[in-house]
């Protein structure tokens, strides 16, 4: 059963500029695996923006936004061996997912020169 669906779109330049201007922001928003992946790409700002968008979409799918002291780096997007993005959760986000019996997390990322977007679907065993 679907628990929630979230979507987000963001300007690539906005994310790239903010990361360049704000010291240590990258480490606050992204996990070491995400940083390593994005920095290894030619157009790293597009990859950072897509992951930022996925984190926003995830919170929308939760239906809570940032309430409860959740942090960006508690939501992680990592590509599997075939290149498919997968979601991993940590900390308070993980606790929320366990409390709501979230059994499935799907994410789709897209980006072009100027825009990045993500869609997240959360599935649960519980009935609404």
C-alpha atoms as a PDB file:
ATOM      1  CA  UNK A   1       0.000   0.000   0.000  1.00  0.00           C
ATOM      2  CA  UNK A   2       1.313   3.471  -0.828  1.00  0.00           C
ATOM      3  CA  UNK A   3       2.164   5.513   2.252  1.00  0.00           C
ATOM      4  CA  UNK A   4       3.090   8.670   0.347  1.00  0.00           C
ATOM      5  CA  UNK A   5       4.380  10.171  -2.881  1.00  0.00           C
ATOM      6  CA  UNK A   6       6.639  13.201  -3.101  1.00  0.00           C
ATOM      7  CA  UNK A   7       8.130  15.169  -5.951  1.00  0.00           C
ATOM      8  CA  UNK A   8      10.537  18.084  -6.141  1.00  0.00           C
ATOM      9  CA  UNK A   9      12.273  20.126  -8.820  1.00  0.00           C
ATOM     10  CA  UNK A  10      15.172  22.532  -8.379  1.00  0.00           C
ATOM     11  CA  UNK A  11      17.489  24.706 -10.425  1.00  0.00           C
ATOM     12  CA  UNK A  12      20.928  23.101 -10.793  1.00  0.00           C
ATOM     13  CA  UNK A  13      22.726  26.452 -10.651  1.00  0.00           C
ATOM     14  CA  UNK A  14      21.064  27.322  -7.344  1.00  0.00           C
ATOM     15  CA  UNK A  15      22.407  24.166  -5.691  1.00  0.00           C
ATOM     16  CA  UNK A  16      25.860  24.521  -7.264  1.00  0.00           C
ATOM     17  CA  UNK A  17      26.150  28.170  -6.213  1.00  0.00           C
ATOM     18  CA  UNK A  18      25.041  27.451  -2.659  1.00  0.00           C
ATOM     19  CA  UNK A  19      27.500  24.569  -2.283  1.00  0.00           C
ATOM     20  CA  UNK A  20      30.334  26.739  -3.635  1.00  0.00           C
ATOM     21  CA  UNK A  21      29.502  29.681  -1.327  1.00  0.00           C
ATOM     22  CA  UNK A  22      28.675  27.947   1.937  1.00  0.00           C
ATOM     23  CA  UNK A  23      31.550  26.263   3.738  1.00  0.00           C
ATOM     24  CA  UNK A  24      30.792  22.722   4.980  1.00  0.00           C
ATOM     25  CA  UNK A  25      27.257  22.743   3.533  1.00  0.00           C
ATOM     26  CA  UNK A  26      28.100  19.763   1.338  1.00  0.00           C
ATOM     27  CA  UNK A  27      28.962  17.664   4.403  1.00  0.00           C
ATOM     28  CA  UNK A  28      25.766  18.730   6.206  1.00  0.00           C
ATOM     29  CA  UNK A  29      23.457  17.872   3.309  1.00  0.00           C
ATOM     30  CA  UNK A  30      25.132  14.886   1.645  1.00  0.00           C
ATOM     31  CA  UNK A  31      26.666  11.662   2.929  1.00  0.00           C
ATOM     32  CA  UNK A  32      30.283  10.735   2.090  1.00  0.00           C
ATOM     33  CA  UNK A  33      29.045   8.191  -0.490  1.00  0.00           C
ATOM     34  CA  UNK A  34      26.874  10.819  -2.189  1.00  0.00           C
ATOM     35  CA  UNK A  35      29.720  13.342  -2.260  1.00  0.00           C
ATOM     36  CA  UNK A  36      32.123  10.784  -3.715  1.00  0.00           C
ATOM     37  CA  UNK A  37      29.623   9.803  -6.418  1.00  0.00           C
ATOM     38  CA  UNK A  38      28.716  13.366  -7.423  1.00  0.00           C
ATOM     39  CA  UNK A  39      32.269  14.706  -7.420  1.00  0.00           C
ATOM     40  CA  UNK A  40      33.343  11.867  -9.732  1.00  0.00           C
ATOM     41  CA  UNK A  41      30.859  13.097 -12.373  1.00  0.00           C
ATOM     42  CA  UNK A  42      31.646  15.683 -15.052  1.00  0.00           C
ATOM     43  CA  UNK A  43      28.555  17.793 -14.260  1.00  0.00           C
ATOM     44  CA  UNK A  44      28.621  17.290 -10.481  1.00  0.00           C
ATOM     45  CA  UNK A  45      26.138  20.103  -9.750  1.00  0.00           C
ATOM     46  CA  UNK A  46      23.425  18.205 -11.665  1.00  0.00           C
ATOM     47  CA  UNK A  47      24.002  15.105  -9.546  1.00  0.00           C
ATOM     48  CA  UNK A  48      24.065  17.051  -6.277  1.00  0.00           C
ATOM     49  CA  UNK A  49      20.867  18.868  -7.308  1.00  0.00           C
ATOM     50  CA  UNK A  50      19.079  15.607  -8.176  1.00  0.00           C
ATOM     51  CA  UNK A  51      19.978  14.153  -4.786  1.00  0.00           C
ATOM     52  CA  UNK A  52      18.903  17.326  -2.995  1.00  0.00           C
ATOM     53  CA  UNK A  53      15.599  17.114  -4.850  1.00  0.00           C
ATOM     54  CA  UNK A  54      15.218  13.458  -3.791  1.00  0.00           C
ATOM     55  CA  UNK A  55      15.687  14.405  -0.135  1.00  0.00           C
ATOM     56  CA  UNK A  56      12.966  17.065  -0.434  1.00  0.00           C
ATOM     57  CA  UNK A  57      10.664  14.637  -2.259  1.00  0.00           C
ATOM     58  CA  UNK A  58      11.245  12.010   0.437  1.00  0.00           C
ATOM     59  CA  UNK A  59      10.139  14.420   3.167  1.00  0.00           C
ATOM     60  CA  UNK A  60       7.039  15.273   1.147  1.00  0.00           C
ATOM     61  CA  UNK A  61       6.254  11.567   0.782  1.00  0.00           C
ATOM     62  CA  UNK A  62       6.588  11.214   4.565  1.00  0.00           C
ATOM     63  CA  UNK A  63       3.997  13.963   4.946  1.00  0.00           C
ATOM     64  CA  UNK A  64       5.987  15.673   7.703  1.00  0.00           C
ATOM     65  CA  UNK A  65       8.440  18.039   6.084  1.00  0.00           C
ATOM     66  CA  UNK A  66      11.370  18.904   8.343  1.00  0.00           C
ATOM     67  CA  UNK A  67       9.425  18.610  11.602  1.00  0.00           C
ATOM     68  CA  UNK A  68      10.912  16.330  14.220  1.00  0.00           C
ATOM     69  CA  UNK A  69      14.537  17.383  13.819  1.00  0.00           C
ATOM     70  CA  UNK A  70      15.234  15.359  10.706  1.00  0.00           C
ATOM     71  CA  UNK A  71      18.374  16.178   8.728  1.00  0.00           C
ATOM     72  CA  UNK A  72      19.236  16.079   5.036  1.00  0.00           C
ATOM     73  CA  UNK A  73      22.036  13.557   5.464  1.00  0.00           C
ATOM     74  CA  UNK A  74      19.641  11.071   7.084  1.00  0.00           C
ATOM     75  CA  UNK A  75      18.270  10.441   3.577  1.00  0.00           C
ATOM     76  CA  UNK A  76      20.849   8.953   1.222  1.00  0.00           C
ATOM     77  CA  UNK A  77      20.681   8.263  -2.518  1.00  0.00           C
ATOM     78  CA  UNK A  78      23.180   5.684  -3.771  1.00  0.00           C
ATOM     79  CA  UNK A  79      23.295   4.114  -7.213  1.00  0.00           C
ATOM     80  CA  UNK A  80      23.425   0.310  -7.312  1.00  0.00           C
ATOM     81  CA  UNK A  81      25.746  -1.691  -9.583  1.00  0.00           C
ATOM     82  CA  UNK A  82      23.374  -1.186 -12.531  1.00  0.00           C
ATOM     83  CA  UNK A  83      23.150   2.585 -11.951  1.00  0.00           C
ATOM     84  CA  UNK A  84      19.647   2.551 -10.437  1.00  0.00           C
ATOM     85  CA  UNK A  85      19.311   5.071  -7.597  1.00  0.00           C
ATOM     86  CA  UNK A  86      18.290   3.564  -4.272  1.00  0.00           C
ATOM     87  CA  UNK A  87      17.305   5.168  -0.976  1.00  0.00           C
ATOM     88  CA  UNK A  88      18.864   4.503   2.410  1.00  0.00           C
ATOM     89  CA  UNK A  89      17.714   6.144   5.629  1.00  0.00           C
ATOM     90  CA  UNK A  90      19.468   6.851   8.900  1.00  0.00           C
ATOM     91  CA  UNK A  91      18.754   8.443  12.274  1.00  0.00           C
ATOM     92  CA  UNK A  92      15.340  10.003  12.883  1.00  0.00           C
ATOM     93  CA  UNK A  93      14.208   9.349   9.313  1.00  0.00           C
ATOM     94  CA  UNK A  94      14.949   5.645   9.763  1.00  0.00           C
ATOM     95  CA  UNK A  95      13.053   5.657  13.075  1.00  0.00           C
ATOM     96  CA  UNK A  96      10.055   7.284  11.352  1.00  0.00           C
ATOM     97  CA  UNK A  97      10.093   4.651   8.591  1.00  0.00           C
ATOM     98  CA  UNK A  98      10.270   1.822  11.120  1.00  0.00           C
ATOM     99  CA  UNK A  99       7.432   3.320  13.205  1.00  0.00           C
ATOM    100  CA  UNK A 100       5.227   3.581  10.102  1.00  0.00           C
ATOM    101  CA  UNK A 101       6.201   0.161   8.721  1.00  0.00           C
ATOM    102  CA  UNK A 102       7.690   1.631   5.545  1.00  0.00           C
ATOM    103  CA  UNK A 103       8.665  -1.486   3.622  1.00  0.00           C
ATOM    104  CA  UNK A 104       9.516  -0.016   0.240  1.00  0.00           C
ATOM    105  CA  UNK A 105      11.222   3.156  -0.960  1.00  0.00           C
ATOM    106  CA  UNK A 106      11.470   4.007  -4.643  1.00  0.00           C
ATOM    107  CA  UNK A 107      13.163   7.020  -6.205  1.00  0.00           C
ATOM    108  CA  UNK A 108      13.458   8.315  -9.745  1.00  0.00           C
ATOM    109  CA  UNK A 109      15.923  11.096 -10.610  1.00  0.00           C
ATOM    110  CA  UNK A 110      16.158  13.259 -13.711  1.00  0.00           C
ATOM    111  CA  UNK A 111      18.352  16.186 -14.632  1.00  0.00           C
ATOM    112  CA  UNK A 112      19.151  18.384 -17.567  1.00  0.00           C
ATOM    113  CA  UNK A 113      21.478  21.373 -17.842  1.00  0.00           C
ATOM    114  CA  UNK A 114      19.329  23.717 -15.760  1.00  0.00           C
ATOM    115  CA  UNK A 115      16.943  21.537 -13.733  1.00  0.00           C
ATOM    116  CA  UNK A 116      16.950  18.444 -11.548  1.00  0.00           C
ATOM    117  CA  UNK A 117      13.911  16.613 -10.248  1.00  0.00           C
ATOM    118  CA  UNK A 118      13.011  13.579  -8.203  1.00  0.00           C
ATOM    119  CA  UNK A 119       9.972  11.478  -7.390  1.00  0.00           C
ATOM    120  CA  UNK A 120       9.815   9.314  -4.265  1.00  0.00           C
ATOM    121  CA  UNK A 121       7.214   6.659  -3.413  1.00  0.00           C
ATOM    122  CA  UNK A 122       7.048   5.157   0.082  1.00  0.00           C
ATOM    123  CA  UNK A 123       5.187   1.901   0.660  1.00  0.00           C
ATOM    124  CA  UNK A 124       3.857   0.482   3.937  1.00  0.00           C
ATOM    125  CA  UNK A 125       2.300  -2.697   5.264  1.00  0.00           C
ATOM    126  CA  UNK A 126      -0.128  -0.689   7.372  1.00  0.00           C
ATOM    127  CA  UNK A 127      -3.542   0.374   6.146  1.00  0.00           C
ATOM    128  CA  UNK A 128      -4.258   4.109   6.310  1.00  0.00           C
END
